[in-house]
Amino acid sequence: MISADELVSRRLLQVTVSWHTHPSGQVTVGPAPDDFLMSRFIGQSIRAVHRIIDHRIETEIGLRLELDHGEVRILNLGDELVITDTALPDALEAALR
């Protein structure tokens, strides 16, 4: 596995998504659609990577990637993967640093 620090200066070449189908348990993997948030960053370089810590539990829960033309946060919130370029609800936003 690549470390977060090794992402700096690399270019985002593709975005892949997967989803779990209930109740069969089947997992489908494929290219992300054009309107998927991360897709607009394809071809851009990662300028910086910042770890996101939930200070309530003192645990790293994600990364903030600074790219050529914007930034995105990738968070593990419980059993959900959250990818966002906007603010989270105030209570959660206040817990992150």
N, C-alpha and C. Protein backbone atom coordinates (compact mmCIF):
# COMPACT_ATOMS: atom_id res chain seq x y z
N MET A 1 0.84 -1.17 0.00
CA MET A 1 0.00 0.00 0.00
C MET A 1 0.89 1.24 0.00
N ILE A 2 0.50 2.23 -0.73
CA ILE A 2 1.23 3.49 -0.80
C ILE A 2 0.87 4.36 0.40
N SER A 3 1.86 5.03 0.95
CA SER A 3 1.57 5.92 2.08
C SER A 3 1.02 7.25 1.56
N ALA A 4 0.34 7.96 2.41
CA ALA A 4 -0.26 9.24 2.02
C ALA A 4 0.80 10.21 1.52
N ASP A 5 1.95 10.23 2.16
CA ASP A 5 3.01 11.16 1.77
C ASP A 5 3.53 10.89 0.36
N GLU A 6 3.47 9.64 -0.07
CA GLU A 6 3.95 9.29 -1.40
C GLU A 6 2.99 9.74 -2.51
N LEU A 7 1.80 10.20 -2.16
CA LEU A 7 0.85 10.68 -3.16
C LEU A 7 1.23 12.04 -3.74
N VAL A 8 1.99 12.82 -2.96
CA VAL A 8 2.34 14.18 -3.38
C VAL A 8 3.16 14.11 -4.67
N SER A 9 2.77 14.95 -5.63
CA SER A 9 3.36 15.06 -6.97
C SER A 9 2.89 13.98 -7.93
N ARG A 10 2.11 13.04 -7.47
CA ARG A 10 1.55 12.05 -8.39
C ARG A 10 0.31 12.63 -9.05
N ARG A 11 -0.02 12.08 -10.21
CA ARG A 11 -1.17 12.54 -10.98
C ARG A 11 -2.30 11.52 -10.83
N LEU A 12 -3.52 12.00 -10.65
CA LEU A 12 -4.69 11.14 -10.57
C LEU A 12 -5.03 10.69 -11.99
N LEU A 13 -4.85 9.41 -12.27
CA LEU A 13 -5.02 8.89 -13.63
C LEU A 13 -6.40 8.33 -13.91
N GLN A 14 -7.03 7.78 -12.89
CA GLN A 14 -8.36 7.20 -13.07
C GLN A 14 -9.07 7.13 -11.73
N VAL A 15 -10.39 6.99 -11.79
CA VAL A 15 -11.19 6.84 -10.58
C VAL A 15 -12.05 5.60 -10.77
N THR A 16 -11.99 4.73 -9.79
CA THR A 16 -12.77 3.49 -9.81
C THR A 16 -13.72 3.49 -8.63
N VAL A 17 -14.93 3.01 -8.83
CA VAL A 17 -15.90 2.91 -7.75
C VAL A 17 -16.34 1.46 -7.60
N SER A 18 -16.82 1.15 -6.42
CA SER A 18 -17.41 -0.16 -6.19
C SER A 18 -18.65 0.02 -5.34
N TRP A 19 -19.59 -0.87 -5.48
CA TRP A 19 -20.79 -0.81 -4.67
C TRP A 19 -21.23 -2.22 -4.35
N HIS A 20 -21.85 -2.33 -3.20
CA HIS A 20 -22.30 -3.61 -2.64
C HIS A 20 -23.79 -3.73 -2.87
N THR A 21 -24.21 -4.82 -3.48
CA THR A 21 -25.61 -5.05 -3.77
C THR A 21 -26.23 -5.95 -2.70
N HIS A 22 -27.27 -5.44 -2.06
CA HIS A 22 -27.98 -6.24 -1.05
C HIS A 22 -29.14 -6.94 -1.72
N PRO A 23 -29.64 -8.07 -1.34
CA PRO A 23 -29.10 -8.97 -0.32
C PRO A 23 -28.11 -9.99 -0.88
N SER A 24 -27.80 -9.91 -2.17
CA SER A 24 -26.95 -10.94 -2.78
C SER A 24 -25.52 -10.93 -2.27
N GLY A 25 -25.05 -9.78 -1.78
CA GLY A 25 -23.68 -9.68 -1.31
C GLY A 25 -22.69 -9.44 -2.42
N GLN A 26 -23.17 -9.27 -3.63
CA GLN A 26 -22.29 -9.05 -4.77
C GLN A 26 -21.67 -7.66 -4.73
N VAL A 27 -20.38 -7.59 -5.05
CA VAL A 27 -19.68 -6.31 -5.14
C VAL A 27 -19.34 -6.07 -6.60
N THR A 28 -19.72 -4.90 -7.10
CA THR A 28 -19.45 -4.53 -8.48
C THR A 28 -18.41 -3.43 -8.49
N VAL A 29 -17.42 -3.57 -9.37
CA VAL A 29 -16.34 -2.58 -9.47
C VAL A 29 -16.27 -2.10 -10.92
N GLY A 30 -16.10 -0.79 -11.10
CA GLY A 30 -16.00 -0.27 -12.45
C GLY A 30 -15.54 1.17 -12.46
N PRO A 31 -15.36 1.72 -13.66
CA PRO A 31 -14.94 3.12 -13.75
C PRO A 31 -16.01 4.05 -13.18
N ALA A 32 -15.56 5.14 -12.56
CA ALA A 32 -16.50 6.11 -12.00
C ALA A 32 -17.18 6.87 -13.13
N PRO A 33 -18.44 7.22 -12.94
CA PRO A 33 -19.13 8.04 -13.95
C PRO A 33 -18.52 9.45 -14.00
N ASP A 34 -18.73 10.13 -15.11
CA ASP A 34 -18.17 11.47 -15.28
C ASP A 34 -18.64 12.46 -14.23
N ASP A 35 -19.87 12.27 -13.71
CA ASP A 35 -20.40 13.23 -12.73
C ASP A 35 -20.01 12.89 -11.28
N PHE A 36 -19.19 11.86 -11.08
CA PHE A 36 -18.69 11.51 -9.75
C PHE A 36 -17.70 12.58 -9.32
N LEU A 37 -17.75 13.03 -8.08
CA LEU A 37 -16.93 14.13 -7.58
C LEU A 37 -15.45 13.99 -7.95
N MET A 38 -14.86 12.84 -7.72
CA MET A 38 -13.43 12.66 -7.98
C MET A 38 -13.08 12.70 -9.46
N SER A 39 -14.03 12.41 -10.33
CA SER A 39 -13.76 12.34 -11.77
C SER A 39 -13.26 13.66 -12.33
N ARG A 40 -13.71 14.78 -11.78
CA ARG A 40 -13.27 16.08 -12.30
C ARG A 40 -11.80 16.37 -12.01
N PHE A 41 -11.18 15.58 -11.14
CA PHE A 41 -9.77 15.77 -10.80
C PHE A 41 -8.83 14.88 -11.61
N ILE A 42 -9.37 14.03 -12.48
CA ILE A 42 -8.53 13.16 -13.30
C ILE A 42 -7.58 14.01 -14.13
N GLY A 43 -6.32 13.62 -14.12
CA GLY A 43 -5.29 14.33 -14.86
C GLY A 43 -4.58 15.39 -14.04
N GLN A 44 -5.09 15.70 -12.85
CA GLN A 44 -4.48 16.72 -12.01
C GLN A 44 -3.44 16.10 -11.08
N SER A 45 -2.47 16.92 -10.68
CA SER A 45 -1.45 16.50 -9.73
C SER A 45 -1.91 16.75 -8.31
N ILE A 46 -1.50 15.86 -7.43
CA ILE A 46 -1.76 16.04 -6.00
C ILE A 46 -0.65 16.94 -5.46
N ARG A 47 -1.02 18.13 -5.00
CA ARG A 47 -0.05 19.12 -4.52
C ARG A 47 0.32 18.92 -3.05
N ALA A 48 -0.65 18.45 -2.24
CA ALA A 48 -0.41 18.22 -0.82
C ALA A 48 -1.43 17.23 -0.29
N VAL A 49 -1.05 16.54 0.78
CA VAL A 49 -1.94 15.60 1.46
C VAL A 49 -1.92 15.94 2.94
N HIS A 50 -3.11 16.09 3.52
CA HIS A 50 -3.24 16.39 4.94
C HIS A 50 -4.07 15.31 5.59
N ARG A 51 -3.57 14.79 6.70
CA ARG A 51 -4.33 13.79 7.44
C ARG A 51 -5.45 14.47 8.23
N ILE A 52 -6.60 13.83 8.28
CA ILE A 52 -7.74 14.36 9.03
C ILE A 52 -7.90 13.51 10.29
N ILE A 53 -7.87 14.19 11.43
CA ILE A 53 -7.96 13.52 12.73
C ILE A 53 -9.29 13.89 13.38
N ASP A 54 -10.00 12.89 13.89
CA ASP A 54 -11.18 13.15 14.72
C ASP A 54 -10.67 13.27 16.15
N HIS A 55 -10.61 14.51 16.67
CA HIS A 55 -10.00 14.72 17.98
C HIS A 55 -10.82 14.13 19.12
N ARG A 56 -12.09 13.79 18.89
CA ARG A 56 -12.89 13.16 19.95
C ARG A 56 -12.35 11.78 20.29
N ILE A 57 -11.81 11.09 19.29
CA ILE A 57 -11.29 9.74 19.50
C ILE A 57 -9.80 9.63 19.17
N GLU A 58 -9.17 10.79 18.84
CA GLU A 58 -7.74 10.85 18.53
C GLU A 58 -7.34 9.79 17.51
N THR A 59 -8.10 9.73 16.42
CA THR A 59 -7.87 8.74 15.37
C THR A 59 -7.89 9.40 14.01
N GLU A 60 -6.98 8.97 13.16
CA GLU A 60 -6.98 9.44 11.77
C GLU A 60 -8.16 8.81 11.05
N ILE A 61 -9.01 9.65 10.46
CA ILE A 61 -10.20 9.13 9.79
C ILE A 61 -10.24 9.48 8.30
N GLY A 62 -9.21 10.16 7.82
CA GLY A 62 -9.24 10.48 6.40
C GLY A 62 -8.09 11.35 5.95
N LEU A 63 -8.22 11.79 4.69
CA LEU A 63 -7.21 12.63 4.05
C LEU A 63 -7.88 13.78 3.33
N ARG A 64 -7.19 14.91 3.30
CA ARG A 64 -7.60 16.03 2.44
C ARG A 64 -6.53 16.15 1.38
N LEU A 65 -6.95 16.03 0.13
CA LEU A 65 -6.04 16.13 -1.00
C LEU A 65 -6.16 17.50 -1.64
N GLU A 66 -5.06 18.19 -1.79
CA GLU A 66 -5.02 19.44 -2.55
C GLU A 66 -4.52 19.09 -3.94
N LEU A 67 -5.33 19.40 -4.95
CA LEU A 67 -4.98 19.12 -6.33
C LEU A 67 -4.77 20.42 -7.08
N ASP A 68 -4.46 20.33 -8.36
CA ASP A 68 -4.19 21.53 -9.16
C ASP A 68 -5.33 22.54 -9.11
N HIS A 69 -6.56 22.06 -9.17
CA HIS A 69 -7.72 22.96 -9.27
C HIS A 69 -8.80 22.64 -8.26
N GLY A 70 -8.40 22.46 -7.00
CA GLY A 70 -9.39 22.21 -5.96
C GLY A 70 -8.87 21.22 -4.93
N GLU A 71 -9.74 20.90 -4.02
CA GLU A 71 -9.38 19.92 -2.99
C GLU A 71 -10.58 19.05 -2.69
N VAL A 72 -10.30 17.91 -2.10
CA VAL A 72 -11.34 16.94 -1.76
C VAL A 72 -10.92 16.24 -0.48
N ARG A 73 -11.91 15.89 0.32
CA ARG A 73 -11.66 15.12 1.54
C ARG A 73 -12.24 13.73 1.36
N ILE A 74 -11.48 12.75 1.81
CA ILE A 74 -11.89 11.35 1.77
C ILE A 74 -11.88 10.88 3.21
N LEU A 75 -13.07 10.51 3.72
CA LEU A 75 -13.23 10.20 5.14
C LEU A 75 -13.84 8.81 5.34
N ASN A 76 -13.39 8.14 6.38
CA ASN A 76 -13.98 6.88 6.81
C ASN A 76 -14.82 7.22 8.05
N LEU A 77 -16.12 7.32 7.88
CA LEU A 77 -17.02 7.67 8.99
C LEU A 77 -17.83 6.43 9.36
N GLY A 78 -17.33 5.72 10.34
CA GLY A 78 -18.00 4.47 10.73
C GLY A 78 -17.81 3.46 9.63
N ASP A 79 -18.89 3.00 9.06
CA ASP A 79 -18.79 2.05 7.96
C ASP A 79 -19.11 2.71 6.61
N GLU A 80 -19.02 4.03 6.56
CA GLU A 80 -19.31 4.77 5.32
C GLU A 80 -18.06 5.49 4.83
N LEU A 81 -17.83 5.43 3.54
CA LEU A 81 -16.77 6.20 2.90
C LEU A 81 -17.41 7.48 2.38
N VAL A 82 -16.90 8.62 2.83
CA VAL A 82 -17.46 9.91 2.44
C VAL A 82 -16.39 10.65 1.64
N ILE A 83 -16.77 11.10 0.44
CA ILE A 83 -15.89 11.89 -0.41
C ILE A 83 -16.61 13.21 -0.64
N THR A 84 -15.97 14.32 -0.23
CA THR A 84 -16.67 15.59 -0.30
C THR A 84 -15.71 16.74 -0.57
N ASP A 85 -16.24 17.77 -1.19
CA ASP A 85 -15.49 19.01 -1.35
C ASP A 85 -16.21 20.16 -0.66
N THR A 86 -17.20 19.81 0.17
CA THR A 86 -17.97 20.81 0.91
C THR A 86 -17.87 20.52 2.40
N ALA A 87 -18.36 21.44 3.20
CA ALA A 87 -18.34 21.28 4.65
C ALA A 87 -19.29 20.17 5.09
N LEU A 88 -18.94 19.55 6.18
CA LEU A 88 -19.78 18.53 6.81
C LEU A 88 -20.68 19.21 7.83
N PRO A 89 -21.64 18.48 8.41
CA PRO A 89 -22.46 19.09 9.47
C PRO A 89 -21.58 19.70 10.56
N ASP A 90 -22.03 20.82 11.13
CA ASP A 90 -21.22 21.60 12.07
C ASP A 90 -20.60 20.78 13.19
N ALA A 91 -21.36 19.88 13.81
CA ALA A 91 -20.83 19.11 14.94
C ALA A 91 -19.67 18.24 14.51
N LEU A 92 -19.77 17.63 13.35
CA LEU A 92 -18.68 16.80 12.85
C LEU A 92 -17.51 17.66 12.41
N GLU A 93 -17.78 18.72 11.71
CA GLU A 93 -16.72 19.63 11.24
C GLU A 93 -15.88 20.14 12.42
N ALA A 94 -16.54 20.44 13.53
CA ALA A 94 -15.84 20.94 14.71
C ALA A 94 -14.93 19.88 15.33
N ALA A 95 -15.25 18.61 15.14
CA ALA A 95 -14.48 17.52 15.74
C ALA A 95 -13.24 17.18 14.92
N LEU A 96 -13.15 17.67 13.70
CA LEU A 96 -12.05 17.32 12.81
C LEU A 96 -10.97 18.37 12.85
N ARG A 97 -9.76 17.95 12.65
CA ARG A 97 -8.66 18.91 12.52
C ARG A 97 -7.66 18.38 11.53
